[in-house]
Amino acid sequence: MHGGKFSRRRFLAAAGGLLAAGLAPQPVEFAPPTPTTPNPTTDEPREYFVPLEDYHELPPECYEPNLIRPLEIILHSDDNKRGRDLWVVQITYETLKYLSHSAHFGVDYKQVWQMLPMYQTVVQESHGAKGYNWEAINVEMAGVDFDHQDNYPPENEIRLTVRLISQLMDFYHIPFAHVVGHYERDDRGLKIDPGKKFMADFRKRLKAYRAQLSPTKRWLIDD
């Protein structure tokens, strides 16, 4: 595969095979390329997954002008090492703004903020996961190194994130195999967020939550 292109079709087929085999998704060897033709406009109405008072749009320099069709959801931690008292979505927002990075959502122990425009079938391209932003919704959880015992996120933060991601999966038709941790989509091997152990626990929580929503989703927990 060295020097070759990893097509979107092969990427989706590989992810589907992992789900059928009951395995957790793994990073692909090469990230698909970012589209070269910007698509900055759409006639679709905006979609808000939070109350309007919790919509806080990041400045334009924090994201790309492209509108992309989301194929997966990437879960991050915001790497705030300054103490649990500052694990709040306002700090997530200000950090992203300062670094000229972005995510579609920030989550803390009490609320969810939407931080980028989203529409019926497309969303704004964020600066969240290098090489994968062309097809990803990025979600930042407040905190750092969730695999460390003292850093495990508050229960309500996990609950809010599970509910949000399940809603996004249904709205944008994103399969369970395409809900991944940032470390699984880092071709450089530099990212560890939100944590391997945490991600395994999170997948169990997500399966159980979705199974409770409808009997038709029982396969998500029975596979």
N, C-alpha and C. Protein backbone atom coordinates (compact mmCIF):
# COMPACT_ATOMS: atom_id res chain seq x y z
N MET A 1 0.81 -1.21 0.00
CA MET A 1 0.00 0.00 0.00
C MET A 1 0.84 1.26 0.00
N HIS A 2 2.12 1.13 0.25
CA HIS A 2 2.95 2.32 0.33
C HIS A 2 2.93 3.04 -0.99
N GLY A 3 2.69 4.36 -0.92
CA GLY A 3 2.66 5.18 -2.11
C GLY A 3 1.32 5.15 -2.81
N GLY A 4 0.37 4.28 -2.42
CA GLY A 4 -0.93 4.18 -3.07
C GLY A 4 -1.97 5.02 -2.37
N LYS A 5 -3.15 5.07 -2.96
CA LYS A 5 -4.25 5.83 -2.38
C LYS A 5 -5.19 4.89 -1.64
N PHE A 6 -5.70 5.37 -0.51
CA PHE A 6 -6.68 4.59 0.26
C PHE A 6 -8.04 5.18 -0.04
N SER A 7 -8.84 4.54 -0.86
CA SER A 7 -10.11 5.10 -1.33
C SER A 7 -11.13 5.10 -0.21
N ARG A 8 -12.13 5.96 -0.37
CA ARG A 8 -13.20 6.04 0.62
C ARG A 8 -13.95 4.71 0.67
N ARG A 9 -14.18 4.08 -0.52
CA ARG A 9 -14.91 2.82 -0.54
C ARG A 9 -14.17 1.75 0.24
N ARG A 10 -12.83 1.66 0.06
CA ARG A 10 -12.05 0.65 0.77
C ARG A 10 -12.03 0.95 2.26
N PHE A 11 -12.01 2.24 2.62
CA PHE A 11 -12.02 2.63 4.03
C PHE A 11 -13.32 2.18 4.70
N LEU A 12 -14.47 2.43 4.03
CA LEU A 12 -15.74 2.05 4.60
C LEU A 12 -15.90 0.54 4.66
N ALA A 13 -15.41 -0.15 3.61
CA ALA A 13 -15.50 -1.61 3.60
C ALA A 13 -14.68 -2.22 4.72
N ALA A 14 -13.49 -1.65 4.96
CA ALA A 14 -12.64 -2.17 6.03
C ALA A 14 -13.29 -1.99 7.39
N ALA A 15 -13.90 -0.81 7.61
CA ALA A 15 -14.57 -0.56 8.89
C ALA A 15 -15.74 -1.49 9.07
N GLY A 16 -16.50 -1.74 7.99
CA GLY A 16 -17.63 -2.65 8.09
C GLY A 16 -17.20 -4.06 8.42
N GLY A 17 -16.06 -4.49 7.87
CA GLY A 17 -15.55 -5.81 8.16
C GLY A 17 -15.16 -5.96 9.61
N LEU A 18 -14.59 -4.91 10.18
CA LEU A 18 -14.22 -4.95 11.60
C LEU A 18 -15.45 -5.10 12.47
N LEU A 19 -16.53 -4.37 12.13
CA LEU A 19 -17.74 -4.48 12.92
C LEU A 19 -18.31 -5.89 12.85
N ALA A 20 -18.31 -6.47 11.62
CA ALA A 20 -18.84 -7.82 11.47
C ALA A 20 -18.04 -8.83 12.27
N ALA A 21 -16.73 -8.57 12.39
CA ALA A 21 -15.87 -9.49 13.14
C ALA A 21 -15.91 -9.24 14.64
N GLY A 22 -16.62 -8.19 15.06
CA GLY A 22 -16.73 -7.88 16.49
C GLY A 22 -15.48 -7.23 17.05
N LEU A 23 -14.67 -6.58 16.18
CA LEU A 23 -13.43 -5.97 16.62
C LEU A 23 -13.58 -4.47 16.69
N ALA A 24 -12.81 -3.85 17.56
CA ALA A 24 -12.80 -2.40 17.64
C ALA A 24 -12.14 -1.82 16.40
N PRO A 25 -12.58 -0.62 15.91
CA PRO A 25 -11.96 -0.01 14.75
C PRO A 25 -10.49 0.30 15.00
N GLN A 26 -9.68 0.21 13.96
CA GLN A 26 -8.27 0.52 14.03
C GLN A 26 -7.93 1.60 13.02
N PRO A 27 -6.85 2.37 13.24
CA PRO A 27 -6.50 3.41 12.28
C PRO A 27 -6.08 2.82 10.94
N VAL A 28 -6.46 3.51 9.86
CA VAL A 28 -6.02 3.06 8.55
C VAL A 28 -4.58 3.51 8.34
N GLU A 29 -3.88 2.87 7.37
CA GLU A 29 -2.47 3.17 7.17
C GLU A 29 -2.26 4.56 6.61
N PHE A 30 -3.15 4.96 5.69
CA PHE A 30 -3.07 6.29 5.11
C PHE A 30 -4.42 6.96 5.23
N ALA A 31 -4.43 8.23 5.63
CA ALA A 31 -5.68 8.97 5.70
C ALA A 31 -6.12 9.37 4.31
N PRO A 32 -7.41 9.28 4.01
CA PRO A 32 -7.90 9.78 2.73
C PRO A 32 -7.63 11.28 2.61
N PRO A 33 -7.47 11.78 1.41
CA PRO A 33 -7.10 13.19 1.23
C PRO A 33 -8.26 14.13 1.51
N THR A 34 -7.94 15.33 1.95
CA THR A 34 -8.93 16.37 2.10
C THR A 34 -9.38 16.84 0.73
N PRO A 35 -10.68 17.05 0.51
CA PRO A 35 -11.14 17.54 -0.79
C PRO A 35 -10.45 18.85 -1.16
N THR A 36 -10.13 19.01 -2.43
CA THR A 36 -9.41 20.20 -2.88
C THR A 36 -10.34 21.31 -3.32
N THR A 37 -11.62 21.02 -3.53
CA THR A 37 -12.58 22.03 -3.97
C THR A 37 -13.46 22.45 -2.81
N PRO A 38 -13.29 23.68 -2.31
CA PRO A 38 -14.12 24.13 -1.19
C PRO A 38 -15.60 24.18 -1.59
N ASN A 39 -16.45 23.84 -0.66
CA ASN A 39 -17.90 23.94 -0.85
C ASN A 39 -18.46 24.72 0.33
N PRO A 40 -18.35 26.07 0.29
CA PRO A 40 -18.64 26.85 1.48
C PRO A 40 -20.10 27.17 1.73
N THR A 41 -21.01 26.78 0.82
CA THR A 41 -22.40 27.16 1.00
C THR A 41 -23.33 25.95 0.84
N THR A 42 -24.50 26.06 1.41
CA THR A 42 -25.54 25.05 1.26
C THR A 42 -26.90 25.70 1.44
N ASP A 43 -27.92 25.13 0.81
CA ASP A 43 -29.28 25.62 0.98
C ASP A 43 -30.00 24.91 2.13
N GLU A 44 -29.32 23.95 2.73
CA GLU A 44 -29.93 23.21 3.83
C GLU A 44 -30.06 24.10 5.07
N PRO A 45 -31.09 23.88 5.87
CA PRO A 45 -31.21 24.64 7.12
C PRO A 45 -30.16 24.20 8.13
N ARG A 46 -29.81 25.10 9.01
CA ARG A 46 -28.89 24.75 10.09
C ARG A 46 -29.55 23.80 11.08
N GLU A 47 -28.71 22.95 11.65
CA GLU A 47 -29.19 22.02 12.67
C GLU A 47 -28.49 22.34 13.99
N TYR A 48 -29.27 22.39 15.05
CA TYR A 48 -28.73 22.65 16.37
C TYR A 48 -29.05 21.45 17.26
N PHE A 49 -28.01 20.87 17.81
CA PHE A 49 -28.17 19.69 18.66
C PHE A 49 -28.12 20.07 20.14
N VAL A 50 -28.12 21.36 20.39
CA VAL A 50 -28.12 21.90 21.76
C VAL A 50 -29.12 23.04 21.80
N PRO A 51 -29.55 23.48 22.99
CA PRO A 51 -30.35 24.70 23.08
C PRO A 51 -29.57 25.88 22.48
N LEU A 52 -30.27 26.84 21.91
CA LEU A 52 -29.60 27.94 21.22
C LEU A 52 -28.64 28.71 22.12
N GLU A 53 -28.94 28.76 23.41
CA GLU A 53 -28.03 29.48 24.32
C GLU A 53 -26.71 28.73 24.51
N ASP A 54 -26.67 27.46 24.09
CA ASP A 54 -25.44 26.68 24.18
C ASP A 54 -24.73 26.54 22.82
N TYR A 55 -25.14 27.37 21.86
CA TYR A 55 -24.43 27.42 20.59
C TYR A 55 -23.44 28.58 20.65
N HIS A 56 -22.14 28.27 20.56
CA HIS A 56 -21.08 29.27 20.64
C HIS A 56 -20.13 28.99 19.48
N GLU A 57 -20.28 29.74 18.40
CA GLU A 57 -19.51 29.45 17.19
C GLU A 57 -18.08 29.95 17.31
N LEU A 58 -17.14 29.09 16.97
CA LEU A 58 -15.73 29.47 16.96
C LEU A 58 -15.45 30.43 15.81
N PRO A 59 -14.40 31.27 15.91
CA PRO A 59 -14.07 32.20 14.84
C PRO A 59 -13.69 31.48 13.55
N PRO A 60 -13.88 32.10 12.39
CA PRO A 60 -13.61 31.46 11.10
C PRO A 60 -12.19 30.93 10.95
N GLU A 61 -11.22 31.55 11.60
CA GLU A 61 -9.84 31.08 11.45
C GLU A 61 -9.61 29.73 12.13
N CYS A 62 -10.59 29.26 12.88
CA CYS A 62 -10.45 27.98 13.58
C CYS A 62 -10.90 26.79 12.76
N TYR A 63 -11.50 27.02 11.59
CA TYR A 63 -12.01 25.89 10.81
C TYR A 63 -11.88 26.18 9.32
N GLU A 64 -12.11 25.14 8.52
CA GLU A 64 -12.01 25.24 7.07
C GLU A 64 -13.33 25.74 6.47
N PRO A 65 -13.27 26.39 5.29
CA PRO A 65 -14.50 26.83 4.64
C PRO A 65 -15.30 25.68 4.03
N ASN A 66 -14.68 24.49 3.93
CA ASN A 66 -15.37 23.36 3.32
C ASN A 66 -16.56 22.90 4.15
N LEU A 67 -17.59 22.45 3.46
CA LEU A 67 -18.65 21.68 4.08
C LEU A 67 -18.44 20.23 3.70
N ILE A 68 -18.46 19.34 4.69
CA ILE A 68 -18.15 17.94 4.44
C ILE A 68 -19.31 17.06 4.88
N ARG A 69 -19.44 15.90 4.22
CA ARG A 69 -20.45 14.93 4.61
C ARG A 69 -19.85 14.02 5.68
N PRO A 70 -20.36 14.04 6.90
CA PRO A 70 -19.72 13.27 7.98
C PRO A 70 -19.93 11.77 7.83
N LEU A 71 -18.83 11.03 7.95
CA LEU A 71 -18.85 9.57 7.86
C LEU A 71 -18.50 8.92 9.18
N GLU A 72 -17.90 9.67 10.10
CA GLU A 72 -17.57 9.09 11.40
C GLU A 72 -17.51 10.18 12.46
N ILE A 73 -17.45 9.75 13.72
CA ILE A 73 -17.36 10.65 14.87
C ILE A 73 -16.07 10.32 15.61
N ILE A 74 -15.25 11.33 15.85
CA ILE A 74 -13.98 11.15 16.56
C ILE A 74 -14.09 11.81 17.93
N LEU A 75 -13.81 11.03 18.96
CA LEU A 75 -13.91 11.49 20.34
C LEU A 75 -12.54 11.88 20.86
N HIS A 76 -12.45 13.06 21.46
CA HIS A 76 -11.20 13.61 21.99
C HIS A 76 -11.37 13.94 23.48
N SER A 77 -10.25 14.12 24.17
CA SER A 77 -10.24 14.87 25.42
C SER A 77 -9.47 16.15 25.15
N ASP A 78 -9.81 17.24 25.86
CA ASP A 78 -9.26 18.54 25.48
C ASP A 78 -7.87 18.80 26.06
N ASP A 79 -7.31 17.83 26.79
CA ASP A 79 -5.93 17.89 27.27
C ASP A 79 -5.68 19.03 28.25
N ASN A 80 -6.69 19.36 29.05
CA ASN A 80 -6.54 20.40 30.06
C ASN A 80 -5.88 19.83 31.30
N LYS A 81 -4.62 20.20 31.52
CA LYS A 81 -3.83 19.66 32.64
C LYS A 81 -3.85 20.58 33.85
N ARG A 82 -4.71 21.59 33.83
CA ARG A 82 -4.67 22.60 34.90
C ARG A 82 -5.59 22.29 36.07
N GLY A 83 -6.13 21.08 36.11
CA GLY A 83 -6.93 20.69 37.26
C GLY A 83 -8.39 20.48 36.92
N ARG A 84 -9.04 19.59 37.66
CA ARG A 84 -10.42 19.21 37.38
C ARG A 84 -11.39 20.38 37.51
N ASP A 85 -11.06 21.37 38.33
CA ASP A 85 -11.94 22.52 38.49
C ASP A 85 -12.11 23.29 37.18
N LEU A 86 -11.16 23.13 36.26
CA LEU A 86 -11.22 23.84 34.98
C LEU A 86 -11.64 22.92 33.84
N TRP A 87 -12.14 21.75 34.18
CA TRP A 87 -12.67 20.85 33.14
C TRP A 87 -14.09 21.27 32.80
N VAL A 88 -14.18 22.41 32.15
CA VAL A 88 -15.48 22.96 31.77
C VAL A 88 -15.42 23.37 30.30
N VAL A 89 -16.57 23.34 29.66
CA VAL A 89 -16.63 23.54 28.22
C VAL A 89 -16.20 24.95 27.82
N GLN A 90 -16.36 25.94 28.72
CA GLN A 90 -15.89 27.29 28.41
C GLN A 90 -14.38 27.31 28.18
N ILE A 91 -13.64 26.54 28.99
CA ILE A 91 -12.19 26.46 28.82
C ILE A 91 -11.85 25.71 27.54
N THR A 92 -12.61 24.66 27.22
CA THR A 92 -12.42 23.95 25.96
C THR A 92 -12.55 24.92 24.80
N TYR A 93 -13.59 25.71 24.82
CA TYR A 93 -13.84 26.68 23.75
C TYR A 93 -12.69 27.68 23.63
N GLU A 94 -12.28 28.27 24.75
CA GLU A 94 -11.23 29.28 24.72
C GLU A 94 -9.89 28.68 24.27
N THR A 95 -9.62 27.44 24.65
CA THR A 95 -8.39 26.78 24.23
C THR A 95 -8.38 26.55 22.72
N LEU A 96 -9.48 26.05 22.19
CA LEU A 96 -9.58 25.85 20.75
C LEU A 96 -9.43 27.18 20.01
N LYS A 97 -10.06 28.21 20.53
CA LYS A 97 -9.97 29.53 19.92
C LYS A 97 -8.53 30.05 19.93
N TYR A 98 -7.84 29.89 21.04
CA TYR A 98 -6.46 30.35 21.17
C TYR A 98 -5.53 29.61 20.21
N LEU A 99 -5.75 28.31 20.04
CA LEU A 99 -4.88 27.49 19.20
C LEU A 99 -5.30 27.49 17.73
N SER A 100 -6.41 28.15 17.41
CA SER A 100 -6.99 28.12 16.07
C SER A 100 -7.30 26.69 15.65
N HIS A 101 -7.77 25.90 16.60
CA HIS A 101 -8.27 24.55 16.35
C HIS A 101 -9.79 24.58 16.52
N SER A 102 -10.43 23.44 16.27
CA SER A 102 -11.88 23.43 16.41
C SER A 102 -12.40 22.03 16.61
N ALA A 103 -13.61 21.98 17.11
CA ALA A 103 -14.39 20.75 17.22
C ALA A 103 -15.84 21.15 17.05
N HIS A 104 -16.66 20.20 16.70
CA HIS A 104 -18.07 20.50 16.52
C HIS A 104 -18.79 20.65 17.86
N PHE A 105 -18.30 19.91 18.86
CA PHE A 105 -18.95 19.94 20.17
C PHE A 105 -17.90 19.92 21.28
N GLY A 106 -18.25 20.54 22.39
CA GLY A 106 -17.51 20.40 23.63
C GLY A 106 -18.47 19.92 24.71
N VAL A 107 -17.99 19.03 25.57
CA VAL A 107 -18.85 18.45 26.62
C VAL A 107 -18.13 18.53 27.95
N ASP A 108 -18.84 18.97 29.00
CA ASP A 108 -18.30 18.88 30.35
C ASP A 108 -19.32 18.18 31.23
N TYR A 109 -19.18 18.29 32.56
CA TYR A 109 -20.02 17.51 33.47
C TYR A 109 -21.45 18.02 33.55
N LYS A 110 -21.73 19.20 32.96
CA LYS A 110 -23.08 19.74 33.10
C LYS A 110 -23.74 20.18 31.81
N GLN A 111 -22.97 20.28 30.70
CA GLN A 111 -23.59 20.80 29.49
C GLN A 111 -22.80 20.42 28.25
N VAL A 112 -23.47 20.62 27.10
CA VAL A 112 -22.85 20.42 25.78
C VAL A 112 -22.94 21.73 25.02
N TRP A 113 -21.83 22.15 24.43
CA TRP A 113 -21.81 23.29 23.53
C TRP A 113 -21.60 22.82 22.11
N GLN A 114 -22.38 23.35 21.18
CA GLN A 114 -22.09 23.19 19.75
C GLN A 114 -21.28 24.39 19.31
N MET A 115 -20.18 24.14 18.57
CA MET A 115 -19.24 25.21 18.28
C MET A 115 -19.01 25.46 16.80
N LEU A 116 -19.68 24.70 15.92
CA LEU A 116 -19.55 24.89 14.48
C LEU A 116 -20.90 24.72 13.81
N PRO A 117 -21.09 25.34 12.64
CA PRO A 117 -22.34 25.15 11.90
C PRO A 117 -22.49 23.71 11.42
N MET A 118 -23.73 23.21 11.49
CA MET A 118 -24.06 21.88 11.03
C MET A 118 -25.40 21.96 10.31
N TYR A 119 -25.58 21.07 9.33
CA TYR A 119 -26.76 21.11 8.47
C TYR A 119 -27.35 19.71 8.35
N GLN A 120 -28.34 19.54 7.48
CA GLN A 120 -29.05 18.27 7.40
C GLN A 120 -28.17 17.12 6.95
N THR A 121 -27.29 17.35 5.97
CA THR A 121 -26.43 16.27 5.47
C THR A 121 -24.95 16.61 5.53
N VAL A 122 -24.60 17.86 5.79
CA VAL A 122 -23.20 18.28 5.80
C VAL A 122 -22.92 19.08 7.06
N VAL A 123 -21.61 19.18 7.39
CA VAL A 123 -21.17 19.97 8.53
C VAL A 123 -19.92 20.75 8.13
N GLN A 124 -19.61 21.78 8.89
CA GLN A 124 -18.39 22.54 8.65
C GLN A 124 -17.18 21.66 8.92
N GLU A 125 -16.15 21.76 8.08
CA GLU A 125 -14.93 20.98 8.32
C GLU A 125 -14.12 21.61 9.44
N SER A 126 -13.78 20.83 10.44
CA SER A 126 -13.08 21.33 11.62
C SER A 126 -11.58 21.07 11.52
N HIS A 127 -10.85 21.64 12.47
CA HIS A 127 -9.43 21.35 12.66
C HIS A 127 -9.33 20.50 13.93
N GLY A 128 -9.64 19.21 13.82
CA GLY A 128 -9.69 18.39 15.01
C GLY A 128 -8.83 17.15 14.98
N ALA A 129 -8.73 16.50 13.82
CA ALA A 129 -7.96 15.25 13.70
C ALA A 129 -7.25 15.27 12.34
N LYS A 130 -5.97 15.53 12.37
CA LYS A 130 -5.20 15.73 11.14
C LYS A 130 -5.37 14.55 10.19
N GLY A 131 -5.74 14.84 8.95
CA GLY A 131 -5.90 13.82 7.93
C GLY A 131 -7.29 13.22 7.84
N TYR A 132 -8.13 13.48 8.84
CA TYR A 132 -9.46 12.89 8.88
C TYR A 132 -10.58 13.91 8.98
N ASN A 133 -10.23 15.18 8.99
CA ASN A 133 -11.25 16.20 9.15
C ASN A 133 -12.20 16.27 7.96
N TRP A 134 -11.80 15.76 6.83
CA TRP A 134 -12.64 15.79 5.63
C TRP A 134 -13.90 14.94 5.78
N GLU A 135 -13.96 14.08 6.83
CA GLU A 135 -15.11 13.18 6.95
C GLU A 135 -15.57 12.97 8.38
N ALA A 136 -15.14 13.84 9.29
CA ALA A 136 -15.37 13.57 10.71
C ALA A 136 -16.11 14.69 11.43
N ILE A 137 -16.98 14.27 12.36
CA ILE A 137 -17.48 15.15 13.41
C ILE A 137 -16.57 14.96 14.61
N ASN A 138 -15.98 16.03 15.10
CA ASN A 138 -15.07 15.96 16.24
C ASN A 138 -15.77 16.43 17.51
N VAL A 139 -15.63 15.64 18.58
CA VAL A 139 -16.28 15.93 19.86
C VAL A 139 -15.19 15.97 20.93
N GLU A 140 -15.10 17.08 21.65
CA GLU A 140 -14.11 17.27 22.72
C GLU A 140 -14.76 17.09 24.08
N MET A 141 -14.23 16.15 24.87
CA MET A 141 -14.63 16.03 26.26
C MET A 141 -13.63 16.79 27.14
N ALA A 142 -14.12 17.51 28.13
CA ALA A 142 -13.24 18.26 29.02
C ALA A 142 -12.45 17.30 29.90
N GLY A 143 -11.12 17.47 29.91
CA GLY A 143 -10.27 16.63 30.74
C GLY A 143 -9.04 16.15 30.00
N VAL A 144 -8.29 15.26 30.64
CA VAL A 144 -7.04 14.78 30.07
C VAL A 144 -6.76 13.36 30.56
N ASP A 145 -6.17 12.52 29.69
CA ASP A 145 -5.67 11.20 30.05
C ASP A 145 -6.69 10.42 30.89
N PHE A 146 -7.82 10.11 30.27
CA PHE A 146 -8.90 9.45 30.99
C PHE A 146 -8.55 8.05 31.46
N ASP A 147 -7.47 7.48 30.94
CA ASP A 147 -7.06 6.15 31.41
C ASP A 147 -6.39 6.21 32.78
N HIS A 148 -5.97 7.39 33.19
CA HIS A 148 -5.41 7.56 34.54
C HIS A 148 -6.55 7.57 35.54
N GLN A 149 -6.42 6.79 36.59
CA GLN A 149 -7.50 6.61 37.56
C GLN A 149 -8.04 7.92 38.11
N ASP A 150 -7.15 8.86 38.39
CA ASP A 150 -7.57 10.13 38.98
C ASP A 150 -8.23 11.07 37.97
N ASN A 151 -8.14 10.74 36.68
CA ASN A 151 -8.64 11.64 35.63
C ASN A 151 -9.92 11.15 34.96
N TYR A 152 -10.48 10.04 35.45
CA TYR A 152 -11.68 9.52 34.80
C TYR A 152 -12.77 10.59 34.84
N PRO A 153 -13.44 10.84 33.71
CA PRO A 153 -14.40 11.95 33.67
C PRO A 153 -15.61 11.70 34.55
N PRO A 154 -16.26 12.77 34.99
CA PRO A 154 -17.46 12.63 35.81
C PRO A 154 -18.55 11.83 35.09
N GLU A 155 -19.36 11.15 35.85
CA GLU A 155 -20.40 10.30 35.28
C GLU A 155 -21.33 11.08 34.35
N ASN A 156 -21.71 12.29 34.73
CA ASN A 156 -22.65 13.03 33.89
C ASN A 156 -22.01 13.48 32.59
N GLU A 157 -20.70 13.72 32.60
CA GLU A 157 -20.02 14.06 31.35
C GLU A 157 -20.06 12.88 30.37
N ILE A 158 -19.87 11.68 30.89
CA ILE A 158 -19.96 10.48 30.03
C ILE A 158 -21.39 10.32 29.53
N ARG A 159 -22.36 10.50 30.41
CA ARG A 159 -23.76 10.34 30.04
C ARG A 159 -24.14 11.33 28.94
N LEU A 160 -23.74 12.59 29.09
CA LEU A 160 -24.05 13.60 28.07
C LEU A 160 -23.39 13.27 26.73
N THR A 161 -22.15 12.77 26.79
CA THR A 161 -21.44 12.44 25.55
C THR A 161 -22.06 11.25 24.85
N VAL A 162 -22.44 10.24 25.60
CA VAL A 162 -23.11 9.07 25.02
C VAL A 162 -24.39 9.50 24.32
N ARG A 163 -25.18 10.32 24.98
CA ARG A 163 -26.46 10.75 24.40
C ARG A 163 -26.22 11.57 23.14
N LEU A 164 -25.25 12.49 23.16
CA LEU A 164 -24.94 13.30 21.99
C LEU A 164 -24.50 12.45 20.82
N ILE A 165 -23.55 11.55 21.06
CA ILE A 165 -23.02 10.74 19.96
C ILE A 165 -24.08 9.82 19.38
N SER A 166 -24.94 9.28 20.22
CA SER A 166 -26.02 8.45 19.71
C SER A 166 -26.96 9.27 18.83
N GLN A 167 -27.25 10.48 19.23
CA GLN A 167 -28.10 11.36 18.42
C GLN A 167 -27.45 11.67 17.07
N LEU A 168 -26.16 11.94 17.08
CA LEU A 168 -25.44 12.23 15.83
C LEU A 168 -25.39 11.00 14.92
N MET A 169 -25.20 9.83 15.51
CA MET A 169 -25.19 8.60 14.73
C MET A 169 -26.50 8.43 13.96
N ASP A 170 -27.61 8.65 14.64
CA ASP A 170 -28.90 8.49 14.00
C ASP A 170 -29.15 9.57 12.95
N PHE A 171 -28.82 10.80 13.27
CA PHE A 171 -29.12 11.92 12.38
C PHE A 171 -28.32 11.83 11.09
N TYR A 172 -27.02 11.49 11.20
CA TYR A 172 -26.15 11.46 10.02
C TYR A 172 -25.88 10.03 9.52
N HIS A 173 -26.58 9.05 10.06
CA HIS A 173 -26.47 7.66 9.61
C HIS A 173 -25.03 7.16 9.71
N ILE A 174 -24.44 7.35 10.88
CA ILE A 174 -23.06 6.94 11.15
C ILE A 174 -23.07 5.63 11.93
N PRO A 175 -22.46 4.57 11.41
CA PRO A 175 -22.49 3.27 12.10
C PRO A 175 -21.61 3.24 13.33
N PHE A 176 -21.89 2.29 14.20
CA PHE A 176 -21.16 2.15 15.46
C PHE A 176 -19.64 2.01 15.22
N ALA A 177 -19.24 1.28 14.17
CA ALA A 177 -17.82 1.07 13.90
C ALA A 177 -17.09 2.36 13.57
N HIS A 178 -17.83 3.41 13.25
CA HIS A 178 -17.20 4.68 12.89
C HIS A 178 -17.24 5.69 14.02
N VAL A 179 -17.44 5.21 15.24
CA VAL A 179 -17.25 6.04 16.44
C VAL A 179 -15.91 5.62 17.03
N VAL A 180 -14.92 6.51 16.96
CA VAL A 180 -13.55 6.14 17.29
C VAL A 180 -12.92 7.17 18.21
N GLY A 181 -11.82 6.77 18.87
CA GLY A 181 -11.02 7.69 19.65
C GLY A 181 -9.98 8.38 18.78
N HIS A 182 -9.54 9.54 19.21
CA HIS A 182 -8.54 10.29 18.44
C HIS A 182 -7.29 9.46 18.19
N TYR A 183 -6.86 8.68 19.19
CA TYR A 183 -5.65 7.87 19.04
C TYR A 183 -5.78 6.86 17.90
N GLU A 184 -7.00 6.47 17.57
CA GLU A 184 -7.24 5.51 16.49
C GLU A 184 -7.20 6.17 15.12
N ARG A 185 -7.17 7.48 15.09
CA ARG A 185 -7.13 8.22 13.84
C ARG A 185 -5.93 9.16 13.79
N ASP A 186 -4.85 8.76 14.44
CA ASP A 186 -3.61 9.54 14.43
C ASP A 186 -2.53 8.72 13.76
N ASP A 187 -2.30 8.98 12.48
CA ASP A 187 -1.32 8.21 11.72
C ASP A 187 0.10 8.40 12.23
N ARG A 188 0.34 9.47 12.98
CA ARG A 188 1.69 9.75 13.49
C ARG A 188 1.98 8.99 14.78
N GLY A 189 0.93 8.48 15.45
CA GLY A 189 1.13 7.77 16.70
C GLY A 189 1.44 8.67 17.88
N LEU A 190 1.02 9.94 17.81
CA LEU A 190 1.34 10.90 18.86
C LEU A 190 0.20 11.13 19.85
N LYS A 191 -1.02 10.80 19.46
CA LYS A 191 -2.18 11.10 20.29
C LYS A 191 -2.61 9.88 21.10
N ILE A 192 -2.99 10.11 22.35
CA ILE A 192 -3.49 9.03 23.19
C ILE A 192 -4.91 9.27 23.65
N ASP A 193 -5.47 10.43 23.33
CA ASP A 193 -6.81 10.77 23.82
C ASP A 193 -7.89 10.04 23.03
N PRO A 194 -9.01 9.76 23.67
CA PRO A 194 -9.31 10.04 25.08
C PRO A 194 -8.82 8.94 26.02
N GLY A 195 -8.13 7.92 25.49
CA GLY A 195 -7.62 6.80 26.27
C GLY A 195 -8.18 5.49 25.77
N LYS A 196 -7.32 4.48 25.64
CA LYS A 196 -7.76 3.18 25.12
C LYS A 196 -8.74 2.49 26.05
N LYS A 197 -8.42 2.45 27.34
CA LYS A 197 -9.32 1.81 28.29
C LYS A 197 -10.63 2.56 28.39
N PHE A 198 -10.54 3.88 28.42
CA PHE A 198 -11.76 4.67 28.46
C PHE A 198 -12.61 4.42 27.24
N MET A 199 -11.99 4.34 26.06
CA MET A 199 -12.75 4.15 24.83
C MET A 199 -13.46 2.79 24.83
N ALA A 200 -12.81 1.76 25.39
CA ALA A 200 -13.45 0.45 25.49
C ALA A 200 -14.68 0.54 26.38
N ASP A 201 -14.55 1.23 27.51
CA ASP A 201 -15.69 1.40 28.41
C ASP A 201 -16.80 2.23 27.74
N PHE A 202 -16.38 3.27 27.01
CA PHE A 202 -17.34 4.15 26.37
C PHE A 202 -18.16 3.39 25.33
N ARG A 203 -17.52 2.52 24.58
CA ARG A 203 -18.24 1.74 23.57
C ARG A 203 -19.31 0.84 24.22
N LYS A 204 -18.98 0.27 25.36
CA LYS A 204 -19.96 -0.54 26.06
C LYS A 204 -21.15 0.31 26.50
N ARG A 205 -20.86 1.49 27.02
CA ARG A 205 -21.92 2.39 27.45
C ARG A 205 -22.79 2.81 26.27
N LEU A 206 -22.15 3.11 25.15
CA LEU A 206 -22.88 3.55 23.96
C LEU A 206 -23.78 2.43 23.43
N LYS A 207 -23.26 1.21 23.40
CA LYS A 207 -24.07 0.07 22.95
C LYS A 207 -25.28 -0.12 23.86
N ALA A 208 -25.05 -0.08 25.15
CA ALA A 208 -26.14 -0.30 26.09
C ALA A 208 -27.20 0.80 25.98
N TYR A 209 -26.76 2.04 25.83
CA TYR A 209 -27.69 3.15 25.70
C TYR A 209 -28.55 3.00 24.46
N ARG A 210 -27.92 2.67 23.34
CA ARG A 210 -28.66 2.54 22.09
C ARG A 210 -29.59 1.33 22.10
N ALA A 211 -29.20 0.30 22.80
CA ALA A 211 -30.07 -0.87 22.90
C ALA A 211 -31.34 -0.55 23.66
N GLN A 212 -31.24 0.39 24.61
CA GLN A 212 -32.41 0.77 25.40
C GLN A 212 -33.38 1.65 24.61
N LEU A 213 -32.88 2.30 23.56
CA LEU A 213 -33.73 3.23 22.81
C LEU A 213 -34.80 2.53 22.01
N SER A 214 -34.46 1.34 21.48
CA SER A 214 -35.40 0.65 20.61
C SER A 214 -35.06 -0.83 20.56
N PRO A 215 -36.07 -1.70 20.56
CA PRO A 215 -35.79 -3.14 20.40
C PRO A 215 -35.06 -3.46 19.11
N THR A 216 -35.21 -2.61 18.08
CA THR A 216 -34.54 -2.87 16.80
C THR A 216 -33.03 -2.69 16.90
N LYS A 217 -32.56 -2.11 18.01
CA LYS A 217 -31.13 -1.89 18.18
C LYS A 217 -30.51 -2.89 19.15
N ARG A 218 -31.22 -3.95 19.47
CA ARG A 218 -30.68 -4.95 20.39
C ARG A 218 -29.39 -5.56 19.87
N TRP A 219 -29.24 -5.65 18.54
CA TRP A 219 -28.03 -6.26 17.98
C TRP A 219 -26.78 -5.50 18.38
N LEU A 220 -26.92 -4.22 18.72
CA LEU A 220 -25.75 -3.43 19.08
C LEU A 220 -25.11 -3.93 20.38
N ILE A 221 -25.94 -4.50 21.25
CA ILE A 221 -25.38 -5.01 22.51
C ILE A 221 -25.23 -6.51 22.49
N ASP A 222 -25.88 -7.19 21.56
CA ASP A 222 -25.83 -8.65 21.52
C ASP A 222 -24.75 -9.19 20.61
N ASP A 223 -24.07 -8.32 19.80
CA ASP A 223 -23.08 -8.85 18.86
C ASP A 223 -21.84 -9.34 19.58
